C-alpha atoms as a PDB file:
ATOM      1  CA  MET A   1      79.541 129.730 168.859  1.00  0.00           C
ATOM      2  CA  THR A   2      81.602 129.424 172.058  1.00  0.00           C
ATOM      3  CA  MET A   3      83.421 126.195 171.237  1.00  0.00           C
ATOM      4  CA  GLU A   4      87.012 126.372 170.018  1.00  0.00           C
ATOM      5  CA  SER A   5      86.764 123.269 167.872  1.00  0.00           C
ATOM      6  CA  MET A   6      84.159 120.806 166.631  1.00  0.00           C
ATOM      7  CA  LEU A   7      84.015 117.150 165.403  1.00  0.00           C
ATOM      8  CA  ALA A   8      84.279 116.470 161.591  1.00  0.00           C
ATOM      9  CA  THR A   9      84.372 113.696 159.131  1.00  0.00           C
ATOM     10  CA  VAL A  10      87.754 114.056 156.973  1.00  0.00           C
ATOM     11  CA  TYR A  11      88.907 112.652 154.003  1.00  0.00           C
ATOM     12  CA  GLY A  12      92.516 111.781 154.586  1.00  0.00           C
ATOM     13  CA  GLY A  13      93.283 110.256 151.162  1.00  0.00           C
ATOM     14  CA  ILE A  14      92.306 107.122 149.115  1.00  0.00           C
ATOM     15  CA  ASN A  15      90.517 104.408 151.556  1.00  0.00           C
ATOM     16  CA  ASP A  16      91.068 107.023 154.604  1.00  0.00           C
ATOM     17  CA  ILE A  17      87.819 108.584 156.197  1.00  0.00           C
ATOM     18  CA  HIS A  18      88.062 109.401 159.854  1.00  0.00           C
ATOM     19  CA  LEU A  19      86.769 111.449 162.616  1.00  0.00           C
ATOM     20  CA  GLU A  20      88.755 114.310 164.074  1.00  0.00           C
ATOM     21  CA  ARG A  21      88.687 117.549 165.740  1.00  0.00           C
ATOM     22  CA  ARG A  22      88.615 120.612 163.473  1.00  0.00           C
ATOM     23  CA  PRO A  23      88.629 124.570 164.093  1.00  0.00           C
ATOM     24  CA  LEU A  24      85.217 126.108 163.719  1.00  0.00           C
ATOM     25  CA  PRO A  25      84.572 127.646 160.415  1.00  0.00           C
ATOM     26  CA  ALA A  26      84.536 131.336 160.220  1.00  0.00           C
ATOM     27  CA  ILE A  27      83.273 134.128 157.671  1.00  0.00           C
ATOM     28  CA  GLN A  28      85.976 134.408 155.017  1.00  0.00           C
ATOM     29  CA  LYS A  29      84.229 136.501 152.341  1.00  0.00           C
ATOM     30  CA  PRO A  30      81.335 139.085 152.638  1.00  0.00           C
ATOM     31  CA  THR A  31      79.052 136.448 150.661  1.00  0.00           C
ATOM     32  CA  ASP A  32      79.809 133.614 153.199  1.00  0.00           C
ATOM     33  CA  ALA A  33      77.462 132.227 155.875  1.00  0.00           C
ATOM     34  CA  VAL A  34      78.208 129.828 158.651  1.00  0.00           C
ATOM     35  CA  VAL A  35      75.566 127.347 159.371  1.00  0.00           C
ATOM     36  CA  ARG A  36      75.078 125.106 162.581  1.00  0.00           C
ATOM     37  CA  VAL A  37      74.142 121.582 161.019  1.00  0.00           C
ATOM     38  CA  ARG A  38      71.089 120.141 162.325  1.00  0.00           C
ATOM     39  CA  LEU A  39      70.890 117.125 160.126  1.00  0.00           C
ATOM     40  CA  SER A  40      73.519 115.829 157.236  1.00  0.00           C
ATOM     41  CA  SER A  41      73.708 112.795 155.214  1.00  0.00           C
ATOM     42  CA  ILE A  42      76.178 110.290 153.644  1.00  0.00           C
ATOM     43  CA  CYS A  43      76.045 109.856 149.760  1.00  0.00           C
ATOM     44  CA  THR A  44      77.625 107.409 147.369  1.00  0.00           C
ATOM     45  CA  SER A  45      79.793 110.258 146.017  1.00  0.00           C
ATOM     46  CA  ASP A  46      81.443 110.266 149.416  1.00  0.00           C
ATOM     47  CA  LEU A  47      82.443 106.652 148.838  1.00  0.00           C
ATOM     48  CA  HIS A  48      83.571 107.696 145.278  1.00  0.00           C
ATOM     49  CA  ILE A  49      85.858 110.357 147.006  1.00  0.00           C
ATOM     50  CA  ARG A  50      87.116 107.710 149.243  1.00  0.00           C
ATOM     51  CA  ASN A  51      87.841 105.239 146.506  1.00  0.00           C
ATOM     52  CA  GLY A  52      89.843 107.764 144.383  1.00  0.00           C
ATOM     53  CA  ALA A  53      87.215 108.146 141.848  1.00  0.00           C
ATOM     54  CA  VAL A  54      86.906 111.849 142.111  1.00  0.00           C
ATOM     55  CA  PRO A  55      90.399 113.329 141.072  1.00  0.00           C
ATOM     56  CA  ARG A  56      89.064 117.076 142.017  1.00  0.00           C
ATOM     57  CA  ALA A  57      88.447 116.177 145.708  1.00  0.00           C
ATOM     58  CA  ARG A  58      91.060 117.291 148.075  1.00  0.00           C
ATOM     59  CA  PRO A  59      92.704 115.064 150.869  1.00  0.00           C
ATOM     60  CA  GLY A  60      92.182 116.830 154.117  1.00  0.00           C
ATOM     61  CA  ILE A  61      88.723 118.212 153.581  1.00  0.00           C
ATOM     62  CA  ILE A  62      85.699 117.670 155.683  1.00  0.00           C
ATOM     63  CA  LEU A  63      83.213 115.488 153.689  1.00  0.00           C
ATOM     64  CA  GLY A  64      79.588 116.041 153.092  1.00  0.00           C
ATOM     65  CA  HIS A  65      77.409 118.373 151.042  1.00  0.00           C
ATOM     66  CA  GLU A  66      73.821 117.487 151.808  1.00  0.00           C
ATOM     67  CA  PHE A  67      72.287 119.165 154.983  1.00  0.00           C
ATOM     68  CA  VAL A  68      69.809 121.260 156.601  1.00  0.00           C
ATOM     69  CA  GLY A  69      70.908 123.678 159.199  1.00  0.00           C
ATOM     70  CA  GLU A  70      70.564 126.913 161.253  1.00  0.00           C
ATOM     71  CA  VAL A  71      72.367 130.110 160.157  1.00  0.00           C
ATOM     72  CA  VAL A  72      74.521 131.515 162.901  1.00  0.00           C
ATOM     73  CA  ALA A  73      76.468 134.127 161.126  1.00  0.00           C
ATOM     74  CA  VAL A  74      76.581 135.961 157.609  1.00  0.00           C
ATOM     75  CA  GLY A  75      78.807 138.029 155.584  1.00  0.00           C
ATOM     76  CA  ALA A  76      78.115 141.892 155.124  1.00  0.00           C
ATOM     77  CA  GLU A  77      76.886 141.070 151.444  1.00  0.00           C
ATOM     78  CA  VAL A  78      74.449 138.236 152.308  1.00  0.00           C
ATOM     79  CA  ARG A  79      70.790 139.464 152.066  1.00  0.00           C
ATOM     80  CA  LYS A  80      68.601 136.177 151.490  1.00  0.00           C
ATOM     81  CA  VAL A  81      69.382 134.761 154.841  1.00  0.00           C
ATOM     82  CA  ARG A  82      69.805 136.021 158.531  1.00  0.00           C
ATOM     83  CA  PRO A  83      71.068 134.114 161.713  1.00  0.00           C
ATOM     84  CA  GLY A  84      68.301 132.183 163.152  1.00  0.00           C
ATOM     85  CA  ASP A  85      67.019 131.104 159.826  1.00  0.00           C
ATOM     86  CA  ARG A  86      66.452 127.449 159.050  1.00  0.00           C
ATOM     87  CA  VAL A  87      67.702 126.403 155.665  1.00  0.00           C
ATOM     88  CA  SER A  88      68.617 123.565 153.449  1.00  0.00           C
ATOM     89  CA  ALA A  89      71.874 123.451 151.385  1.00  0.00           C
ATOM     90  CA  ASN A  90      72.510 123.424 147.846  1.00  0.00           C
ATOM     91  CA  VAL A  91      74.945 120.784 146.534  1.00  0.00           C
ATOM     92  CA  GLU A  92      76.359 123.249 144.120  1.00  0.00           C
ATOM     93  CA  THR A  93      78.415 126.434 144.948  1.00  0.00           C
ATOM     94  CA  PHE A  94      77.496 129.251 142.388  1.00  0.00           C
ATOM     95  CA  CYS A  95      78.274 132.802 142.132  1.00  0.00           C
ATOM     96  CA  GLY A  96      74.766 133.464 140.108  1.00  0.00           C
ATOM     97  CA  SER A  97      76.591 135.859 137.739  1.00  0.00           C
ATOM     98  CA  CYS A  98      79.081 134.145 135.394  1.00  0.00           C
ATOM     99  CA  PHE A  99      78.023 132.929 131.981  1.00  0.00           C
ATOM    100  CA  PHE A 100      77.074 129.358 133.122  1.00  0.00           C
ATOM    101  CA  CYS A 101      75.187 130.696 136.136  1.00  0.00           C
ATOM    102  CA  ARG A 102      73.052 133.086 133.807  1.00  0.00           C
ATOM    103  CA  ASN A 103      72.358 130.242 131.488  1.00  0.00           C
ATOM    104  CA  GLY A 104      71.113 127.828 134.502  1.00  0.00           C
ATOM    105  CA  PHE A 105      74.218 125.591 134.225  1.00  0.00           C
ATOM    106  CA  VAL A 106      75.294 126.193 137.814  1.00  0.00           C
ATOM    107  CA  ASN A 107      77.419 123.034 138.060  1.00  0.00           C
ATOM    108  CA  ASN A 108      79.816 124.586 135.805  1.00  0.00           C
ATOM    109  CA  CYS A 109      79.958 127.794 137.611  1.00  0.00           C
ATOM    110  CA  GLU A 110      83.269 129.584 136.917  1.00  0.00           C
ATOM    111  CA  GLN A 111      83.842 130.183 140.576  1.00  0.00           C
ATOM    112  CA  GLY A 112      82.032 127.075 142.029  1.00  0.00           C
ATOM    113  CA  GLY A 113      80.538 123.822 141.051  1.00  0.00           C
ATOM    114  CA  TRP A 114      80.773 120.873 143.617  1.00  0.00           C
ATOM    115  CA  GLU A 115      82.917 122.254 146.233  1.00  0.00           C
ATOM    116  CA  LEU A 116      81.362 121.548 149.677  1.00  0.00           C
ATOM    117  CA  GLY A 117      82.630 118.130 150.761  1.00  0.00           C
ATOM    118  CA  CYS A 118      84.794 117.893 147.743  1.00  0.00           C
ATOM    119  CA  ARG A 119      87.339 120.824 147.469  1.00  0.00           C
ATOM    120  CA  ILE A 120      86.312 122.712 150.561  1.00  0.00           C
ATOM    121  CA  ASP A 121      85.076 121.716 153.882  1.00  0.00           C
ATOM    122  CA  GLY A 122      81.777 120.293 154.029  1.00  0.00           C
ATOM    123  CA  CYS A 123      78.717 119.280 156.230  1.00  0.00           C
ATOM    124  CA  GLN A 124      79.560 116.090 158.008  1.00  0.00           C
ATOM    125  CA  ALA A 125      80.420 118.141 161.040  1.00  0.00           C
ATOM    126  CA  GLU A 126      78.952 120.579 163.567  1.00  0.00           C
ATOM    127  CA  TYR A 127      79.341 123.670 161.706  1.00  0.00           C
ATOM    128  CA  VAL A 128      79.967 124.581 157.926  1.00  0.00           C
ATOM    129  CA  ARG A 129      80.917 127.454 155.920  1.00  0.00           C
ATOM    130  CA  VAL A 130      78.887 128.038 152.706  1.00  0.00           C
ATOM    131  CA  PRO A 131      80.157 130.388 150.147  1.00  0.00           C
ATOM    132  CA  PHE A 132      77.781 132.463 148.072  1.00  0.00           C
ATOM    133  CA  ALA A 133      75.176 131.838 150.682  1.00  0.00           C
ATOM    134  CA  ASP A 134      72.442 133.664 149.015  1.00  0.00           C
ATOM    135  CA  ASN A 135      72.615 131.104 146.253  1.00  0.00           C
ATOM    136  CA  GLY A 136      73.867 127.990 148.283  1.00  0.00           C
ATOM    137  CA  LEU A 137      71.061 128.278 151.050  1.00  0.00           C
ATOM    138  CA  ASN A 138      67.225 128.037 150.727  1.00  0.00           C
ATOM    139  CA  LEU A 139      64.772 129.035 153.482  1.00  0.00           C
ATOM    140  CA  LEU A 140      62.594 126.439 154.779  1.00  0.00           C
ATOM    141  CA  PRO A 141      58.928 126.975 155.814  1.00  0.00           C
ATOM    142  CA  ASP A 142      57.695 125.622 159.265  1.00  0.00           C
ATOM    143  CA  SER A 143      55.540 123.066 157.424  1.00  0.00           C
ATOM    144  CA  VAL A 144      58.743 121.235 155.916  1.00  0.00           C
ATOM    145  CA  ASP A 145      60.769 119.734 158.596  1.00  0.00           C
ATOM    146  CA  ASP A 146      64.508 118.982 158.670  1.00  0.00           C
ATOM    147  CA  THR A 147      63.860 115.178 157.536  1.00  0.00           C
ATOM    148  CA  ALA A 148      61.576 116.129 154.737  1.00  0.00           C
ATOM    149  CA  ALA A 149      64.103 118.745 153.488  1.00  0.00           C
ATOM    150  CA  LEU A 150      67.382 116.976 153.937  1.00  0.00           C
ATOM    151  CA  LEU A 151      67.676 115.680 150.252  1.00  0.00           C
ATOM    152  CA  VAL A 152      66.393 118.906 148.641  1.00  0.00           C
ATOM    153  CA  GLY A 153      69.899 120.113 147.591  1.00  0.00           C
ATOM    154  CA  ASP A 154      71.590 117.028 146.151  1.00  0.00           C
ATOM    155  CA  VAL A 155      69.798 113.680 145.999  1.00  0.00           C
ATOM    156  CA  LEU A 156      66.314 115.177 145.158  1.00  0.00           C
ATOM    157  CA  ALA A 157      67.704 117.976 142.887  1.00  0.00           C
ATOM    158  CA  SER A 158      69.685 115.091 141.160  1.00  0.00           C
ATOM    159  CA  GLY A 159      66.417 113.016 140.507  1.00  0.00           C
ATOM    160  CA  TYR A 160      64.644 116.099 139.296  1.00  0.00           C
ATOM    161  CA  PHE A 161      67.384 116.895 136.904  1.00  0.00           C
ATOM    162  CA  GLY A 162      67.290 113.405 135.528  1.00  0.00           C
ATOM    163  CA  ALA A 163      63.652 113.675 134.901  1.00  0.00           C
ATOM    164  CA  GLU A 164      64.133 116.878 133.213  1.00  0.00           C
ATOM    165  CA  LEU A 165      66.985 115.875 131.108  1.00  0.00           C
ATOM    166  CA  ALA A 166      64.744 112.843 130.078  1.00  0.00           C
ATOM    167  CA  GLU A 167      62.103 114.913 128.094  1.00  0.00           C
ATOM    168  CA  ILE A 168      59.355 112.992 129.571  1.00  0.00           C
ATOM    169  CA  ARG A 169      55.865 113.606 128.017  1.00  0.00           C
ATOM    170  CA  PRO A 170      52.450 112.668 129.113  1.00  0.00           C
ATOM    171  CA  GLY A 171      51.818 108.943 128.586  1.00  0.00           C
ATOM    172  CA  ASP A 172      55.483 107.961 128.025  1.00  0.00           C
ATOM    173  CA  SER A 173      56.848 104.801 129.436  1.00  0.00           C
ATOM    174  CA  VAL A 174      59.914 105.818 131.649  1.00  0.00           C
ATOM    175  CA  LEU A 175      62.777 103.369 132.888  1.00  0.00           C
ATOM    176  CA  VAL A 176      64.752 104.164 135.875  1.00  0.00           C
ATOM    177  CA  LEU A 177      67.815 102.282 136.418  1.00  0.00           C
ATOM    178  CA  GLY A 178      68.709 102.017 140.283  1.00  0.00           C
ATOM    179  CA  ALA A 179      66.234 102.355 143.079  1.00  0.00           C
ATOM    180  CA  GLY A 180      68.847 103.884 145.290  1.00  0.00           C
ATOM    181  CA  PRO A 181      68.605 107.456 146.692  1.00  0.00           C
ATOM    182  CA  VAL A 182      68.809 109.179 143.326  1.00  0.00           C
ATOM    183  CA  GLY A 183      66.928 106.550 141.408  1.00  0.00           C
ATOM    184  CA  LEU A 184      63.892 106.786 144.003  1.00  0.00           C
ATOM    185  CA  CYS A 185      63.915 110.699 143.721  1.00  0.00           C
ATOM    186  CA  ALA A 186      63.957 110.526 139.959  1.00  0.00           C
ATOM    187  CA  MET A 187      60.968 108.252 140.033  1.00  0.00           C
ATOM    188  CA  SER A 188      59.165 110.725 142.418  1.00  0.00           C
ATOM    189  CA  CYS A 189      59.965 113.595 139.952  1.00  0.00           C
ATOM    190  CA  ALA A 190      59.200 111.693 136.846  1.00  0.00           C
ATOM    191  CA  ARG A 191      55.657 111.396 138.216  1.00  0.00           C
ATOM    192  CA  LEU A 192      55.205 115.259 137.908  1.00  0.00           C
ATOM    193  CA  PHE A 193      55.726 114.905 134.110  1.00  0.00           C
ATOM    194  CA  GLY A 194      52.538 112.690 133.689  1.00  0.00           C
ATOM    195  CA  PRO A 195      54.039 109.355 132.338  1.00  0.00           C
ATOM    196  CA  ALA A 196      51.769 106.427 131.772  1.00  0.00           C
ATOM    197  CA  ARG A 197      54.144 103.988 133.649  1.00  0.00           C
ATOM    198  CA  ILE A 198      57.342 104.213 135.384  1.00  0.00           C
ATOM    199  CA  ILE A 199      59.433 100.915 135.429  1.00  0.00           C
ATOM    200  CA  ALA A 200      62.024 100.490 138.331  1.00  0.00           C
ATOM    201  CA  CYS A 201      64.924  98.382 137.807  1.00  0.00           C
ATOM    202  CA  ASP A 202      67.253  97.350 140.739  1.00  0.00           C
ATOM    203  CA  PRO A 203      69.049  94.144 141.940  1.00  0.00           C
ATOM    204  CA  LEU A 204      67.770  94.664 145.623  1.00  0.00           C
ATOM    205  CA  PRO A 205      64.306  93.283 146.181  1.00  0.00           C
ATOM    206  CA  GLU A 206      64.017  95.630 149.273  1.00  0.00           C
ATOM    207  CA  ARG A 207      64.711  98.697 147.370  1.00  0.00           C
ATOM    208  CA  LEU A 208      62.056  97.736 144.525  1.00  0.00           C
ATOM    209  CA  GLU A 209      59.665  97.103 147.308  1.00  0.00           C
ATOM    210  CA  LEU A 210      60.434 100.471 148.618  1.00  0.00           C
ATOM    211  CA  ALA A 211      59.730 102.064 145.162  1.00  0.00           C
ATOM    212  CA  ARG A 212      56.291 100.165 145.197  1.00  0.00           C
ATOM    213  CA  ARG A 213      55.371 101.466 148.775  1.00  0.00           C
ATOM    214  CA  MET A 214      56.264 104.706 147.911  1.00  0.00           C
ATOM    215  CA  GLY A 215      53.981 104.754 144.707  1.00  0.00           C
ATOM    216  CA  VAL A 216      56.817 105.890 142.580  1.00  0.00           C
ATOM    217  CA  ALA A 217      56.844 102.850 140.214  1.00  0.00           C
ATOM    218  CA  ASP A 218      54.422 100.836 138.440  1.00  0.00           C
ATOM    219  CA  VAL A 219      56.472  98.068 137.287  1.00  0.00           C
ATOM    220  CA  LEU A 220      59.568  96.405 139.188  1.00  0.00           C
ATOM    221  CA  LEU A 221      62.307  94.526 137.452  1.00  0.00           C
ATOM    222  CA  ASN A 222      65.219  92.880 138.864  1.00  0.00           C
ATOM    223  CA  PRO A 223      68.169  92.461 136.456  1.00  0.00           C
ATOM    224  CA  THR A 224      69.322  89.425 138.290  1.00  0.00           C
ATOM    225  CA  THR A 225      66.209  87.482 137.168  1.00  0.00           C
ATOM    226  CA  ASP A 226      64.692  89.727 134.399  1.00  0.00           C
ATOM    227  CA  ASN A 227      66.179  90.334 131.120  1.00  0.00           C
ATOM    228  CA  VAL A 228      65.649  94.113 131.261  1.00  0.00           C
ATOM    229  CA  PRO A 229      65.531  95.122 127.605  1.00  0.00           C
ATOM    230  CA  GLU A 230      63.241  92.352 126.590  1.00  0.00           C
ATOM    231  CA  ALA A 231      60.913  92.938 129.661  1.00  0.00           C
ATOM    232  CA  VAL A 232      60.703  96.670 128.741  1.00  0.00           C
ATOM    233  CA  GLN A 233      60.140  95.747 125.258  1.00  0.00           C
ATOM    234  CA  ALA A 234      57.162  93.501 126.117  1.00  0.00           C
ATOM    235  CA  LEU A 235      55.628  96.288 128.137  1.00  0.00           C
ATOM    236  CA  THR A 236      55.827  98.887 125.496  1.00  0.00           C
ATOM    237  CA  LEU A 237      54.366  96.810 122.448  1.00  0.00           C
ATOM    238  CA  GLY A 238      57.911  95.953 121.316  1.00  0.00           C
ATOM    239  CA  ARG A 239      59.397  99.667 121.159  1.00  0.00           C
ATOM    240  CA  GLY A 240      61.253 100.216 124.375  1.00  0.00           C
ATOM    241  CA  ALA A 241      61.297 102.952 126.980  1.00  0.00           C
ATOM    242  CA  ASP A 242      60.292 106.256 125.763  1.00  0.00           C
ATOM    243  CA  ALA A 243      62.729 107.933 128.289  1.00  0.00           C
ATOM    244  CA  VAL A 244      65.540 106.163 130.341  1.00  0.00           C
ATOM    245  CA  ILE A 245      67.092 107.697 133.540  1.00  0.00           C
ATOM    246  CA  GLU A 246      70.328 105.765 134.457  1.00  0.00           C
ATOM    247  CA  ALA A 247      70.849 106.496 138.193  1.00  0.00           C
ATOM    248  CA  ALA A 248      72.695 103.347 138.975  1.00  0.00           C
ATOM    249  CA  GLY A 249      76.218 103.757 137.845  1.00  0.00           C
ATOM    250  CA  GLY A 250      76.916  99.775 137.626  1.00  0.00           C
ATOM    251  CA  HIS A 251      79.278  98.042 135.566  1.00  0.00           C
ATOM    252  CA  ASP A 252      76.675  97.264 132.951  1.00  0.00           C
ATOM    253  CA  THR A 253      73.927  99.748 133.657  1.00  0.00           C
ATOM    254  CA  PHE A 254      74.847 102.065 130.872  1.00  0.00           C
ATOM    255  CA  GLN A 255      74.631  99.191 128.467  1.00  0.00           C
ATOM    256  CA  THR A 256      71.212  98.289 129.695  1.00  0.00           C
ATOM    257  CA  ALA A 257      70.169 101.882 129.494  1.00  0.00           C
ATOM    258  CA  TRP A 258      70.689 102.331 125.683  1.00  0.00           C
ATOM    259  CA  GLN A 259      69.453  98.809 124.864  1.00  0.00           C
ATOM    260  CA  ALA A 260      66.158  99.333 126.654  1.00  0.00           C
ATOM    261  CA  ALA A 261      65.449 102.705 125.127  1.00  0.00           C
ATOM    262  CA  ARG A 262      63.279 102.733 122.073  1.00  0.00           C
ATOM    263  CA  ALA A 263      64.540 104.175 118.811  1.00  0.00           C
ATOM    264  CA  ASN A 264      64.831 108.018 118.951  1.00  0.00           C
ATOM    265  CA  ALA A 265      64.448 108.009 122.901  1.00  0.00           C
ATOM    266  CA  CYS A 266      66.289 110.221 125.392  1.00  0.00           C
ATOM    267  CA  VAL A 267      68.754 108.519 127.833  1.00  0.00           C
ATOM    268  CA  ALA A 268      69.676 110.764 130.869  1.00  0.00           C
ATOM    269  CA  VAL A 269      72.758 109.702 132.671  1.00  0.00           C
ATOM    270  CA  VAL A 270      72.965 111.054 136.093  1.00  0.00           C
ATOM    271  CA  ALA A 271      75.059 108.404 137.762  1.00  0.00           C
ATOM    272  CA  LEU A 272      78.469 108.711 138.860  1.00  0.00           C
ATOM    273  CA  TYR A 273      80.916 106.073 137.466  1.00  0.00           C
ATOM    274  CA  GLU A 274      83.985 104.706 138.757  1.00  0.00           C
ATOM    275  CA  GLU A 275      85.251 103.695 135.349  1.00  0.00           C
ATOM    276  CA  ASP A 276      84.996 104.878 131.850  1.00  0.00           C
ATOM    277  CA  GLN A 277      81.923 103.848 129.837  1.00  0.00           C
ATOM    278  CA  VAL A 278      81.862 102.844 126.154  1.00  0.00           C
ATOM    279  CA  LEU A 279      79.546 103.957 123.430  1.00  0.00           C
ATOM    280  CA  PRO A 280      79.369 100.941 121.059  1.00  0.00           C
ATOM    281  CA  LEU A 281      78.390 102.952 118.107  1.00  0.00           C
ATOM    282  CA  PRO A 282      78.197 100.459 115.376  1.00  0.00           C
ATOM    283  CA  ARG A 283      75.420  98.663 117.455  1.00  0.00           C
ATOM    284  CA  MET A 284      73.703 101.701 118.301  1.00  0.00           C
ATOM    285  CA  TYR A 285      73.684 102.911 114.649  1.00  0.00           C
ATOM    286  CA  GLY A 286      70.058 103.446 113.648  1.00  0.00           C
ATOM    287  CA  LYS A 287      68.461 104.022 116.913  1.00  0.00           C
ATOM    288  CA  ASN A 288      68.878 107.750 116.798  1.00  0.00           C
ATOM    289  CA  LEU A 289      69.314 108.179 120.682  1.00  0.00           C
ATOM    290  CA  ILE A 290      69.766 111.335 122.469  1.00  0.00           C
ATOM    291  CA  PHE A 291      72.136 111.078 125.299  1.00  0.00           C
ATOM    292  CA  LYS A 292      72.453 113.711 128.230  1.00  0.00           C
ATOM    293  CA  THR A 293      74.567 113.799 131.103  1.00  0.00           C
ATOM    294  CA  GLY A 294      75.128 115.463 134.282  1.00  0.00           C
ATOM    295  CA  GLY A 295      76.383 116.698 137.075  1.00  0.00           C
ATOM    296  CA  VAL A 296      73.324 118.163 138.673  1.00  0.00           C
ATOM    297  CA  ASP A 297      72.457 121.670 137.819  1.00  0.00           C
ATOM    298  CA  ALA A 298      70.668 122.119 141.308  1.00  0.00           C
ATOM    299  CA  ILE A 299      68.492 125.295 140.279  1.00  0.00           C
ATOM    300  CA  HIS A 300      65.278 124.062 141.440  1.00  0.00           C
ATOM    301  CA  SER A 301      65.568 124.013 145.174  1.00  0.00           C
ATOM    302  CA  ASP A 302      62.826 126.414 145.979  1.00  0.00           C
ATOM    303  CA  ARG A 303      60.501 124.789 143.635  1.00  0.00           C
ATOM    304  CA  LEU A 304      61.330 121.333 145.321  1.00  0.00           C
ATOM    305  CA  ILE A 305      60.660 122.792 148.799  1.00  0.00           C
ATOM    306  CA  SER A 306      57.304 123.990 147.477  1.00  0.00           C
ATOM    307  CA  LEU A 307      56.548 120.557 146.075  1.00  0.00           C
ATOM    308  CA  ILE A 308      57.344 119.131 149.339  1.00  0.00           C
ATOM    309  CA  ALA A 309      55.385 121.548 151.404  1.00  0.00           C
ATOM    310  CA  SER A 310      52.375 120.828 149.143  1.00  0.00           C
ATOM    311  CA  GLY A 311      52.667 117.221 149.501  1.00  0.00           C
ATOM    312  CA  LYS A 312      53.558 116.115 145.880  1.00  0.00           C
ATOM    313  CA  ILE A 313      56.844 114.797 146.838  1.00  0.00           C
ATOM    314  CA  ASP A 314      57.855 112.879 149.993  1.00  0.00           C
ATOM    315  CA  THR A 315      61.430 111.642 150.303  1.00  0.00           C
ATOM    316  CA  ARG A 316      61.267 110.966 154.153  1.00  0.00           C
ATOM    317  CA  PRO A 317      60.717 107.034 153.438  1.00  0.00           C
ATOM    318  CA  LEU A 318      64.591 107.244 151.981  1.00  0.00           C
ATOM    319  CA  ILE A 319      65.894 108.093 155.351  1.00  0.00           C
ATOM    320  CA  THR A 320      66.048 104.653 156.829  1.00  0.00           C
ATOM    321  CA  HIS A 321      68.641 105.217 159.542  1.00  0.00           C
ATOM    322  CA  THR A 322      69.875 108.019 161.828  1.00  0.00           C
ATOM    323  CA  PHE A 323      73.111 108.112 163.647  1.00  0.00           C
ATOM    324  CA  PRO A 324      74.863 110.623 165.818  1.00  0.00           C
ATOM    325  CA  LEU A 325      77.929 112.328 164.452  1.00  0.00           C
ATOM    326  CA  SER A 326      80.261 110.442 166.575  1.00  0.00           C
ATOM    327  CA  ARG A 327      79.083 107.223 165.195  1.00  0.00           C
ATOM    328  CA  ILE A 328      79.176 108.359 161.465  1.00  0.00           C
ATOM    329  CA  MET A 329      81.669 105.628 160.656  1.00  0.00           C
ATOM    330  CA  ASP A 330      78.913 103.089 161.627  1.00  0.00           C
ATOM    331  CA  ALA A 331      76.788 104.802 159.336  1.00  0.00           C
ATOM    332  CA  TYR A 332      79.283 104.738 156.496  1.00  0.00           C
ATOM    333  CA  SER A 333      79.531 100.810 156.986  1.00  0.00           C
ATOM    334  CA  LEU A 334      75.859 100.263 157.032  1.00  0.00           C
ATOM    335  CA  PHE A 335      75.240 102.662 153.968  1.00  0.00           C
ATOM    336  CA  GLU A 336      77.932 101.231 151.926  1.00  0.00           C
ATOM    337  CA  ARG A 337      77.028  97.471 152.569  1.00  0.00           C
ATOM    338  CA  HIS A 338      73.120  98.429 151.937  1.00  0.00           C
ATOM    339  CA  ALA A 339      72.709  96.538 155.432  1.00  0.00           C
ATOM    340  CA  ASP A 340      69.406  96.267 157.269  1.00  0.00           C
ATOM    341  CA  GLY A 341      67.561  97.648 154.531  1.00  0.00           C
ATOM    342  CA  CYS A 342      69.573 100.937 154.537  1.00  0.00           C
ATOM    343  CA  VAL A 343      68.907 103.562 151.793  1.00  0.00           C
ATOM    344  CA  LYS A 344      69.960 106.777 153.273  1.00  0.00           C
ATOM    345  CA  CYS A 345      71.573 107.545 156.725  1.00  0.00           C
ATOM    346  CA  ALA A 346      70.691 110.875 158.422  1.00  0.00           C
ATOM    347  CA  ILE A 347      73.658 112.435 160.807  1.00  0.00           C
ATOM    348  CA  ARG A 348      72.419 114.434 163.660  1.00  0.00           C
ATOM    349  CA  PRO A 349      74.578 116.320 166.180  1.00  0.00           C
ATOM    350  CA  ASP A 350      75.414 114.467 169.177  1.00  0.00           C
ATOM    351  CA  ASP A 351      73.497 116.975 171.311  1.00  0.00           C
ATOM    352  CA  ALA A 352      70.266 116.437 169.408  1.00  0.00           C
ATOM    353  CA  GLN A 353      67.493 114.218 170.352  1.00  0.00           C
ATOM    354  CA  GLU A 354      66.702 111.092 168.404  1.00  0.00           C
ATOM    355  CA  GLY A 355      64.141 111.493 165.709  1.00  0.00           C
END
C-alpha cells in the first residue's frame, strides 16, 4: 500500500452518511489482517444505522460489513490467511474461544459481535482492518468469483440462519415474509431442508418475480392484494405454515408471521426492526408457537462457500446494480428506494473494471 489515504463512506450521525478521505488501516493486534476491498455491498442495516435505529453504532465509523477482498497484510498470530489470498468476510467479529463462541453463538462473542461498519471501521472503503482474521475471513476457491461470494458473510449467512432456526422438515410448507436480499437467501437455503413448498410474500411484484425466476419460491403472495394468513391456510388444508421466516421487518409483518403459522409451528425472526414489536399473548393462546430470534450467528461460511462452488446456491441474481465507490451515495439512494428493480448494490473500487 503506497497511498497515504483512501476514500471511505462515513456515518457522521443520524441522517448523515458521506464520503471522505481517511487514513489507511494498519495492523493493530497480532490477530488482525488488512484487506484490499475488491467488492462490497450496501445493506438495509446500514440504513438502520443512518436512521438511528442501531444504538451501538458509533458516529464517525466507516460503514459496511459485507465484502470480498485480497489480503495485503497479516498480524504475527494469523495462520489461516496470507497476503495475496482472496477472501470473503464474516459479518461477525469473534474470538473463537469465549463461552459463546465455543457454543456456536458467535454473534454474542464476548470480544466481538457485529463490529465491522458498526463499532469499528468497515468495508465501504478501499481497505479494511479485520480483527480475529482467522475467524473473520474465509478463503475462496478459484471456482467462486467475487460476485458469487459477496453475500456469504452476511445476507446469505442470515438467510441460512433463518432457515436453520425455523426447524424445517422434509415436506413442510414454509412461509418467508420479505423477498428482499435476506428473504431471497432464506428461500434459497430453505430449499436445502427439503420442504414441499416455499411461499414468498412481498409487496413488490418485481421481487416476487425474481423469487420465481430464481426457482426459490413455489407460491407468490402480495400482502397488498392477498390476505396472507387466509391464503396460507388455503394452501395447507386450513392448518397454516409449518415454518415461518420473518425477513421483512415491516410495521405489521411480525403480526402476519404468527397469524400465518400453524399451531405448534416455529417462527424464525431474522428481521431488524426500527420499532418495538408486540406479542399479543391472549390472541396467541393455544397456538403453542415457538419464536426464535437473531442476530445472525454466521458460523457456516465455509459450508456456504462449498454450496456455492457445487452450484446448490447462487445469489448472483440478487446483485442487480454495481457502482464505483466514488458514486456510493447514488447507490444508497437507488437501494433505499428500490428503484430500477434494485435488490442489492455491489460497490467496486474506482480503479476496477466494470463487471
